[in-house]
C-alpha atoms as a PDB file:
ATOM      1  CA  MET A   1      35.679 -43.567  25.261  1.00  0.00           C
ATOM      2  CA  ILE A   2      32.706 -44.033  22.934  1.00  0.00           C
ATOM      3  CA  GLN A   3      30.555 -41.908  25.238  1.00  0.00           C
ATOM      4  CA  ARG A   4      33.109 -39.136  25.163  1.00  0.00           C
ATOM      5  CA  LYS A   5      33.169 -39.143  21.326  1.00  0.00           C
ATOM      6  CA  LEU A   6      29.357 -39.101  21.200  1.00  0.00           C
ATOM      7  CA  PHE A   7      29.305 -36.197  23.667  1.00  0.00           C
ATOM      8  CA  ARG A   8      31.773 -34.218  21.524  1.00  0.00           C
ATOM      9  CA  LEU A   9      29.779 -34.977  18.374  1.00  0.00           C
ATOM     10  CA  ALA A  10      26.529 -33.863  20.031  1.00  0.00           C
ATOM     11  CA  ALA A  11      28.186 -30.655  21.272  1.00  0.00           C
ATOM     12  CA  LEU A  12      29.570 -29.927  17.799  1.00  0.00           C
ATOM     13  CA  VAL A  13      26.167 -30.470  16.159  1.00  0.00           C
ATOM     14  CA  GLY A  14      24.536 -28.167  18.727  1.00  0.00           C
ATOM     15  CA  VAL A  15      27.048 -25.357  18.175  1.00  0.00           C
ATOM     16  CA  CYS A  16      26.740 -25.632  14.386  1.00  0.00           C
ATOM     17  CA  GLY A  17      22.948 -25.575  14.634  1.00  0.00           C
ATOM     18  CA  LEU A  18      22.982 -22.413  16.749  1.00  0.00           C
ATOM     19  CA  ALA A  19      25.375 -20.712  14.350  1.00  0.00           C
ATOM     20  CA  ALA A  20      23.132 -21.547  11.396  1.00  0.00           C
ATOM     21  CA  LEU A  21      19.993 -20.250  13.132  1.00  0.00           C
ATOM     22  CA  SER A  22      21.574 -17.016  14.310  1.00  0.00           C
ATOM     23  CA  GLY A  23      22.887 -16.299  10.814  1.00  0.00           C
ATOM     24  CA  CYS A  24      19.484 -16.461   9.121  1.00  0.00           C
ATOM     25  CA  GLY A  25      18.083 -13.385  10.895  1.00  0.00           C
ATOM     26  CA  GLY A  26      14.709 -14.922  11.687  1.00  0.00           C
ATOM     27  CA  GLY A  27      12.748 -14.150   8.535  1.00  0.00           C
ATOM     28  CA  ASP A  28      12.244 -11.760   5.652  1.00  0.00           C
ATOM     29  CA  ASP A  29      11.064  -8.139   5.600  1.00  0.00           C
ATOM     30  CA  ALA A  30       7.417  -9.195   5.361  1.00  0.00           C
ATOM     31  CA  GLU A  31       7.615 -11.115   8.625  1.00  0.00           C
ATOM     32  CA  ALA A  32       9.431  -8.249  10.311  1.00  0.00           C
ATOM     33  CA  GLY A  33       6.942  -5.647   9.058  1.00  0.00           C
ATOM     34  CA  GLY A  34       9.197  -4.260   6.367  1.00  0.00           C
ATOM     35  CA  PRO A  35      12.045  -1.813   6.938  1.00  0.00           C
ATOM     36  CA  VAL A  36       9.983   1.094   5.548  1.00  0.00           C
ATOM     37  CA  ALA A  37       6.516   2.059   6.773  1.00  0.00           C
ATOM     38  CA  LEU A  38       3.665   1.518   4.315  1.00  0.00           C
ATOM     39  CA  ASN A  39       2.948   4.745   2.405  1.00  0.00           C
ATOM     40  CA  VAL A  40       1.383   6.004  -0.828  1.00  0.00           C
ATOM     41  CA  VAL A  41       2.230   8.839  -3.224  1.00  0.00           C
ATOM     42  CA  PRO A  42       0.118  10.915  -3.656  1.00  0.00           C
ATOM     43  CA  ALA A  43      -1.899  10.524  -0.449  1.00  0.00           C
ATOM     44  CA  GLU A  44      -4.569  12.929  -1.767  1.00  0.00           C
ATOM     45  CA  VAL A  45      -6.242  13.114  -5.172  1.00  0.00           C
ATOM     46  CA  ALA A  46      -8.145  16.365  -5.790  1.00  0.00           C
ATOM     47  CA  LEU A  47      -9.684  16.942  -9.189  1.00  0.00           C
ATOM     48  CA  SER A  48      -9.679  20.478 -10.475  1.00  0.00           C
ATOM     49  CA  ALA A  49     -12.446  21.953 -12.590  1.00  0.00           C
ATOM     50  CA  PRO A  50     -11.733  23.552 -15.967  1.00  0.00           C
ATOM     51  CA  VAL A  51     -11.794  27.350 -16.167  1.00  0.00           C
ATOM     52  CA  GLY A  52     -15.350  28.543 -16.696  1.00  0.00           C
ATOM     53  CA  THR A  53     -16.935  25.699 -14.718  1.00  0.00           C
ATOM     54  CA  PRO A  54     -20.164  26.983 -13.099  1.00  0.00           C
ATOM     55  CA  ALA A  55     -20.003  27.590  -9.352  1.00  0.00           C
ATOM     56  CA  ASP A  56     -20.906  24.688  -7.058  1.00  0.00           C
ATOM     57  CA  THR A  57     -20.238  22.147  -9.817  1.00  0.00           C
ATOM     58  CA  CYS A  58     -18.556  18.807  -9.272  1.00  0.00           C
ATOM     59  CA  VAL A  59     -16.740  17.101 -12.114  1.00  0.00           C
ATOM     60  CA  ALA A  60     -15.730  13.616 -13.148  1.00  0.00           C
ATOM     61  CA  GLY A  61     -12.117  13.143 -14.158  1.00  0.00           C
ATOM     62  CA  ASP A  62     -10.989  13.229 -17.768  1.00  0.00           C
ATOM     63  CA  SER A  63      -8.057  11.029 -16.799  1.00  0.00           C
ATOM     64  CA  ALA A  64      -6.879   8.807 -13.983  1.00  0.00           C
ATOM     65  CA  THR A  65      -4.325   9.625 -11.289  1.00  0.00           C
ATOM     66  CA  ILE A  66      -1.540   7.094 -10.681  1.00  0.00           C
ATOM     67  CA  VAL A  67      -0.883   6.184  -7.030  1.00  0.00           C
ATOM     68  CA  TYR A  68       2.370   4.435  -6.044  1.00  0.00           C
ATOM     69  CA  ILE A  69       2.635   2.085  -3.045  1.00  0.00           C
ATOM     70  CA  ASN A  70       5.904   2.028  -1.105  1.00  0.00           C
ATOM     71  CA  GLY A  71       7.158   0.195   1.975  1.00  0.00           C
ATOM     72  CA  GLY A  72       5.229  -2.333   4.006  1.00  0.00           C
ATOM     73  CA  ALA A  73       4.958  -5.940   2.890  1.00  0.00           C
ATOM     74  CA  ALA A  74       3.648  -6.900  -0.565  1.00  0.00           C
ATOM     75  CA  PRO A  75       1.129  -7.917  -1.801  1.00  0.00           C
ATOM     76  CA  TYR A  76      -1.280  -5.039  -1.175  1.00  0.00           C
ATOM     77  CA  THR A  77      -5.076  -4.937  -1.456  1.00  0.00           C
ATOM     78  CA  VAL A  78      -6.758  -1.802  -2.834  1.00  0.00           C
ATOM     79  CA  GLN A  79     -10.424  -0.932  -2.242  1.00  0.00           C
ATOM     80  CA  SER A  80     -12.523   2.168  -2.888  1.00  0.00           C
ATOM     81  CA  THR A  81     -15.157   3.051  -0.285  1.00  0.00           C
ATOM     82  CA  ASP A  82     -17.440   4.725  -2.872  1.00  0.00           C
ATOM     83  CA  ALA A  83     -18.761   3.317  -6.164  1.00  0.00           C
ATOM     84  CA  SER A  84     -18.160   6.683  -7.880  1.00  0.00           C
ATOM     85  CA  VAL A  85     -14.397   6.282  -7.391  1.00  0.00           C
ATOM     86  CA  ALA A  86     -12.809   3.483  -9.401  1.00  0.00           C
ATOM     87  CA  VAL A  87      -9.444   1.809  -8.867  1.00  0.00           C
ATOM     88  CA  SER A  88      -7.672  -0.046 -11.672  1.00  0.00           C
ATOM     89  CA  LYS A  89      -6.507  -2.983  -9.507  1.00  0.00           C
ATOM     90  CA  SER A  90      -7.755  -4.700  -6.385  1.00  0.00           C
ATOM     91  CA  VAL A  91      -4.318  -6.267  -5.743  1.00  0.00           C
ATOM     92  CA  VAL A  92      -0.829  -4.816  -6.292  1.00  0.00           C
ATOM     93  CA  ASN A  93       1.774  -7.561  -6.034  1.00  0.00           C
ATOM     94  CA  GLU A  94       5.052  -5.648  -5.739  1.00  0.00           C
ATOM     95  CA  LYS A  95       6.612  -2.863  -3.653  1.00  0.00           C
ATOM     96  CA  GLY A  96       6.764   0.317  -5.702  1.00  0.00           C
ATOM     97  CA  GLY A  97       3.794  -0.905  -7.724  1.00  0.00           C
ATOM     98  CA  SER A  98       0.925   1.354  -8.696  1.00  0.00           C
ATOM     99  CA  PHE A  99      -2.775   1.574  -9.417  1.00  0.00           C
ATOM    100  CA  MET A 100      -4.955   4.255 -11.028  1.00  0.00           C
ATOM    101  CA  VAL A 101      -7.799   6.237  -9.452  1.00  0.00           C
ATOM    102  CA  ALA A 102     -10.637   7.839 -11.434  1.00  0.00           C
ATOM    103  CA  VAL A 103     -13.868   9.585 -10.493  1.00  0.00           C
ATOM    104  CA  LEU A 104     -16.607   8.089 -12.655  1.00  0.00           C
ATOM    105  CA  ASP A 105     -19.624  10.302 -11.961  1.00  0.00           C
ATOM    106  CA  PRO A 106     -19.929  14.098 -11.713  1.00  0.00           C
ATOM    107  CA  VAL A 107     -21.245  13.881  -8.163  1.00  0.00           C
ATOM    108  CA  CYS A 108     -19.693  15.880  -5.337  1.00  0.00           C
ATOM    109  CA  LEU A 109     -17.175  13.783  -3.428  1.00  0.00           C
ATOM    110  CA  THR A 110     -15.291  14.982  -0.393  1.00  0.00           C
ATOM    111  CA  ASN A 111     -12.730  12.901   1.462  1.00  0.00           C
ATOM    112  CA  ILE A 112     -13.650   9.557  -0.107  1.00  0.00           C
ATOM    113  CA  GLN A 113     -11.167   6.945   1.085  1.00  0.00           C
ATOM    114  CA  ILE A 114      -9.297   4.330  -0.899  1.00  0.00           C
ATOM    115  CA  LEU A 115      -8.019   1.695   1.514  1.00  0.00           C
ATOM    116  CA  ILE A 116      -4.623   0.072   0.920  1.00  0.00           C
ATOM    117  CA  LYS A 117      -3.614  -2.857   3.149  1.00  0.00           C
ATOM    118  CA  ASP A 118      -0.373  -4.793   3.052  1.00  0.00           C
ATOM    119  CA  LYS A 119       0.276  -8.475   3.757  1.00  0.00           C
ATOM    120  CA  LEU A 120       0.534  -7.746   7.506  1.00  0.00           C
ATOM    121  CA  ASN A 121      -2.755  -5.725   7.593  1.00  0.00           C
ATOM    122  CA  ASN A 122      -0.986  -2.365   7.906  1.00  0.00           C
ATOM    123  CA  GLN A 123      -3.243   0.231   6.282  1.00  0.00           C
ATOM    124  CA  VAL A 124      -2.905   3.619   4.614  1.00  0.00           C
ATOM    125  CA  ASN A 125      -5.552   5.629   2.785  1.00  0.00           C
ATOM    126  CA  VAL A 126      -5.728   7.810  -0.297  1.00  0.00           C
ATOM    127  CA  THR A 127      -8.250  10.655   0.010  1.00  0.00           C
ATOM    128  CA  VAL A 128     -10.233  11.619  -3.121  1.00  0.00           C
ATOM    129  CA  SER A 129     -12.204  14.857  -3.605  1.00  0.00           C
ATOM    130  CA  ASN A 130     -13.687  16.596  -6.654  1.00  0.00           C
ATOM    131  CA  GLY A 131     -15.436  19.764  -5.488  1.00  0.00           C
ATOM    132  CA  PRO A 132     -17.700  21.636  -5.379  1.00  0.00           C
ATOM    133  CA  PHE A 133     -15.661  24.349  -7.017  1.00  0.00           C
ATOM    134  CA  LYS A 134     -15.991  28.102  -7.120  1.00  0.00           C
ATOM    135  CA  ALA A 135     -16.641  29.599 -10.550  1.00  0.00           C
ATOM    136  CA  GLY A 136     -13.536  29.833 -12.753  1.00  0.00           C
ATOM    137  CA  THR A 137     -11.190  27.910 -10.435  1.00  0.00           C
END
């Protein structure tokens, strides 16, 4: 009789435990890779030269471009691959967060990469260019 009650109690505990585990879903979005793929807007930053700029001239930016990070799993690391391109933050802590990109020196840059990695090491890049430009464009 006592064994039968213990058996029923053990069976009940087991069923309740399985129900609790199956209801939790197994983790949050970060563990699952996030429901939305990691992406950035804009994915390309191209500086334009003022009208009248001499041909074959490269320019530094008068202002910074804001880049927004979406999807993936926060936090995100941000790193420029060239010292002439600055980023305002090395870490963005939230989805939908942003950082700024600026070209510091008037040297010609083509397809310089800014690397953005999420918590799960998924990576996207922002491409930065600033010329050279044709005269008057």
